[in-house]
Amino acid sequence: PSPPPSPPLSPPPGLTWEDDLDAPSYEGTASYTLLVEDGSGDYVTTGMVAAFADDGTIRGYQEPSEIPFGPYVGKYAFLITVYGDGGDSVDDWEYSSNGFSSTTITTDSS
């Protein structure tokens, strides 16, 4: 018999990223491409990133996709859509490698 399928990546305890995102309630969107480094200079290839507004509500989440062309070909990026209304801002980005704990990540627009 074949082994059971792996469970889908889930957010850290207390963070129900998929359940808490209410995308239809927002009128605006913004797209971000994030390359997440693992601390040793390598880019991560698994996990999930989520964006949170200043009031703590989740505004987007995404698993990584392999980049098929350009200077980052073969690397993985999080192609995330963030939802909001005028004046909203994303103040917190979280990365989870295992679905059980998350780390706040800082962004660099370079």
C-alpha atoms as a PDB file:
ATOM      1  CA  PRO A   1       0.000   0.000   0.000  1.00  0.00           C
ATOM      2  CA  SER A   2       1.110   3.536  -0.687  1.00  0.00           C
ATOM      3  CA  PRO A   3       1.861   5.893   2.216  1.00  0.00           C
ATOM      4  CA  PRO A   4      -0.843   8.350   3.226  1.00  0.00           C
ATOM      5  CA  PRO A   5      -0.624  11.782   1.578  1.00  0.00           C
ATOM      6  CA  SER A   6       1.244  14.492   3.455  1.00  0.00           C
ATOM      7  CA  PRO A   7      -1.040  16.924   5.253  1.00  0.00           C
ATOM      8  CA  PRO A   8      -1.213  20.392   3.702  1.00  0.00           C
ATOM      9  CA  LEU A   9       0.940  23.090   5.259  1.00  0.00           C
ATOM     10  CA  SER A  10      -1.013  24.730   8.021  1.00  0.00           C
ATOM     11  CA  PRO A  11      -0.356  27.980   9.851  1.00  0.00           C
ATOM     12  CA  PRO A  12       1.064  28.136  13.347  1.00  0.00           C
ATOM     13  CA  PRO A  13      -1.337  27.429  16.223  1.00  0.00           C
ATOM     14  CA  GLY A  14      -3.673  30.352  16.711  1.00  0.00           C
ATOM     15  CA  LEU A  15      -3.174  31.558  13.138  1.00  0.00           C
ATOM     16  CA  THR A  16      -5.751  30.222  10.742  1.00  0.00           C
ATOM     17  CA  TRP A  17      -4.444  31.982   7.670  1.00  0.00           C
ATOM     18  CA  GLU A  18      -6.770  30.359   5.135  1.00  0.00           C
ATOM     19  CA  ASP A  19      -9.840  30.653   7.347  1.00  0.00           C
ATOM     20  CA  ASP A  20      -9.208  34.212   8.481  1.00  0.00           C
ATOM     21  CA  LEU A  21      -8.634  35.795   5.060  1.00  0.00           C
ATOM     22  CA  ASP A  22     -11.889  37.377   3.886  1.00  0.00           C
ATOM     23  CA  ALA A  23     -10.699  38.510   0.429  1.00  0.00           C
ATOM     24  CA  PRO A  24     -14.144  39.471  -0.966  1.00  0.00           C
ATOM     25  CA  SER A  25     -14.624  42.057   1.788  1.00  0.00           C
ATOM     26  CA  TYR A  26     -11.768  44.227   0.445  1.00  0.00           C
ATOM     27  CA  GLU A  27     -11.973  46.396  -2.657  1.00  0.00           C
ATOM     28  CA  GLY A  28      -8.249  46.717  -3.387  1.00  0.00           C
ATOM     29  CA  THR A  29      -5.381  44.360  -4.119  1.00  0.00           C
ATOM     30  CA  ALA A  30      -1.622  44.606  -4.421  1.00  0.00           C
ATOM     31  CA  SER A  31       0.760  41.966  -5.737  1.00  0.00           C
ATOM     32  CA  TYR A  32       4.115  41.230  -4.109  1.00  0.00           C
ATOM     33  CA  THR A  33       6.952  38.935  -5.050  1.00  0.00           C
ATOM     34  CA  LEU A  34       9.015  37.871  -2.056  1.00  0.00           C
ATOM     35  CA  LEU A  35      12.244  35.899  -2.011  1.00  0.00           C
ATOM     36  CA  VAL A  36      12.796  34.713   1.567  1.00  0.00           C
ATOM     37  CA  GLU A  37      16.334  34.016   2.764  1.00  0.00           C
ATOM     38  CA  ASP A  38      16.963  31.325   5.360  1.00  0.00           C
ATOM     39  CA  GLY A  39      19.621  33.232   7.298  1.00  0.00           C
ATOM     40  CA  SER A  40      22.574  31.605   5.550  1.00  0.00           C
ATOM     41  CA  GLY A  41      22.054  33.469   2.267  1.00  0.00           C
ATOM     42  CA  ASP A  42      20.029  30.704   0.592  1.00  0.00           C
ATOM     43  CA  TYR A  43      16.421  31.218  -0.491  1.00  0.00           C
ATOM     44  CA  VAL A  44      13.745  29.005   1.044  1.00  0.00           C
ATOM     45  CA  THR A  45      11.897  26.569  -1.233  1.00  0.00           C
ATOM     46  CA  THR A  46       9.022  25.518   1.023  1.00  0.00           C
ATOM     47  CA  GLY A  47       6.742  26.996   3.644  1.00  0.00           C
ATOM     48  CA  MET A  48       4.184  29.761   3.614  1.00  0.00           C
ATOM     49  CA  VAL A  49       4.243  33.559   3.904  1.00  0.00           C
ATOM     50  CA  ALA A  50       1.354  35.633   5.229  1.00  0.00           C
ATOM     51  CA  ALA A  51       0.788  39.406   5.299  1.00  0.00           C
ATOM     52  CA  PHE A  52      -0.982  41.129   8.180  1.00  0.00           C
ATOM     53  CA  ALA A  53      -2.412  44.661   8.430  1.00  0.00           C
ATOM     54  CA  ASP A  54      -1.645  47.002  11.309  1.00  0.00           C
ATOM     55  CA  ASP A  55      -4.837  45.849  13.056  1.00  0.00           C
ATOM     56  CA  GLY A  56      -3.626  42.205  12.954  1.00  0.00           C
ATOM     57  CA  THR A  57      -6.025  40.976  10.261  1.00  0.00           C
ATOM     58  CA  ILE A  58      -4.585  38.680   7.637  1.00  0.00           C
ATOM     59  CA  ARG A  59      -4.468  40.217   4.169  1.00  0.00           C
ATOM     60  CA  GLY A  60      -2.836  37.463   2.108  1.00  0.00           C
ATOM     61  CA  TYR A  61      -0.895  34.184   2.225  1.00  0.00           C
ATOM     62  CA  GLN A  62       0.981  32.063  -0.284  1.00  0.00           C
ATOM     63  CA  GLU A  63       3.214  29.027  -0.733  1.00  0.00           C
ATOM     64  CA  PRO A  64       6.294  29.428  -2.972  1.00  0.00           C
ATOM     65  CA  SER A  65       6.519  28.908  -6.737  1.00  0.00           C
ATOM     66  CA  GLU A  66       9.625  28.157  -8.767  1.00  0.00           C
ATOM     67  CA  ILE A  67      10.785  31.067 -10.923  1.00  0.00           C
ATOM     68  CA  PRO A  68      11.002  29.841 -14.555  1.00  0.00           C
ATOM     69  CA  PHE A  69      13.138  32.608 -16.140  1.00  0.00           C
ATOM     70  CA  GLY A  70      15.321  35.650 -15.542  1.00  0.00           C
ATOM     71  CA  PRO A  71      18.090  36.284 -13.034  1.00  0.00           C
ATOM     72  CA  TYR A  72      16.393  34.198 -10.337  1.00  0.00           C
ATOM     73  CA  VAL A  73      15.596  31.159 -12.530  1.00  0.00           C
ATOM     74  CA  GLY A  74      15.344  28.013 -10.412  1.00  0.00           C
ATOM     75  CA  LYS A  75      14.837  29.962  -7.159  1.00  0.00           C
ATOM     76  CA  TYR A  76      11.519  30.020  -5.329  1.00  0.00           C
ATOM     77  CA  ALA A  77       9.397  33.108  -4.691  1.00  0.00           C
ATOM     78  CA  PHE A  78       6.178  33.807  -2.860  1.00  0.00           C
ATOM     79  CA  LEU A  79       3.842  35.459  -5.410  1.00  0.00           C
ATOM     80  CA  ILE A  80       1.343  36.881  -2.959  1.00  0.00           C
ATOM     81  CA  THR A  81      -1.780  38.969  -3.471  1.00  0.00           C
ATOM     82  CA  VAL A  82      -2.530  41.260  -0.544  1.00  0.00           C
ATOM     83  CA  TYR A  83      -6.076  42.555  -0.037  1.00  0.00           C
ATOM     84  CA  GLY A  84      -7.122  45.853   1.519  1.00  0.00           C
ATOM     85  CA  ASP A  85      -9.017  49.102   1.341  1.00  0.00           C
ATOM     86  CA  GLY A  86      -7.691  52.621   0.826  1.00  0.00           C
ATOM     87  CA  GLY A  87      -5.338  53.655   3.607  1.00  0.00           C
ATOM     88  CA  ASP A  88      -4.644  50.096   4.789  1.00  0.00           C
ATOM     89  CA  SER A  89      -1.048  49.028   5.168  1.00  0.00           C
ATOM     90  CA  VAL A  90       0.726  45.729   5.672  1.00  0.00           C
ATOM     91  CA  ASP A  91       2.814  46.024   8.816  1.00  0.00           C
ATOM     92  CA  ASP A  92       3.778  42.411   9.432  1.00  0.00           C
ATOM     93  CA  TRP A  93       5.029  39.598   7.208  1.00  0.00           C
ATOM     94  CA  GLU A  94       5.230  36.114   8.735  1.00  0.00           C
ATOM     95  CA  TYR A  95       7.037  33.044   7.376  1.00  0.00           C
ATOM     96  CA  SER A  96       6.309  29.487   8.500  1.00  0.00           C
ATOM     97  CA  SER A  97       8.576  26.668   7.372  1.00  0.00           C
ATOM     98  CA  ASN A  98       6.751  23.864   9.134  1.00  0.00           C
ATOM     99  CA  GLY A  99       3.192  24.986   9.768  1.00  0.00           C
ATOM    100  CA  PHE A 100       3.694  25.005  13.531  1.00  0.00           C
ATOM    101  CA  SER A 101       5.726  28.134  14.206  1.00  0.00           C
ATOM    102  CA  SER A 102       6.243  31.396  12.388  1.00  0.00           C
ATOM    103  CA  THR A 103       8.903  34.063  12.180  1.00  0.00           C
ATOM    104  CA  THR A 104       8.438  37.734  11.433  1.00  0.00           C
ATOM    105  CA  ILE A 105      10.360  38.636   8.312  1.00  0.00           C
ATOM    106  CA  THR A 106      11.661  42.013   7.282  1.00  0.00           C
ATOM    107  CA  THR A 107      11.311  43.247   3.729  1.00  0.00           C
ATOM    108  CA  ASP A 108      13.794  44.978   1.479  1.00  0.00           C
ATOM    109  CA  SER A 109      12.481  46.587  -1.698  1.00  0.00           C
ATOM    110  CA  SER A 110      15.712  46.114  -3.649  1.00  0.00           C
END
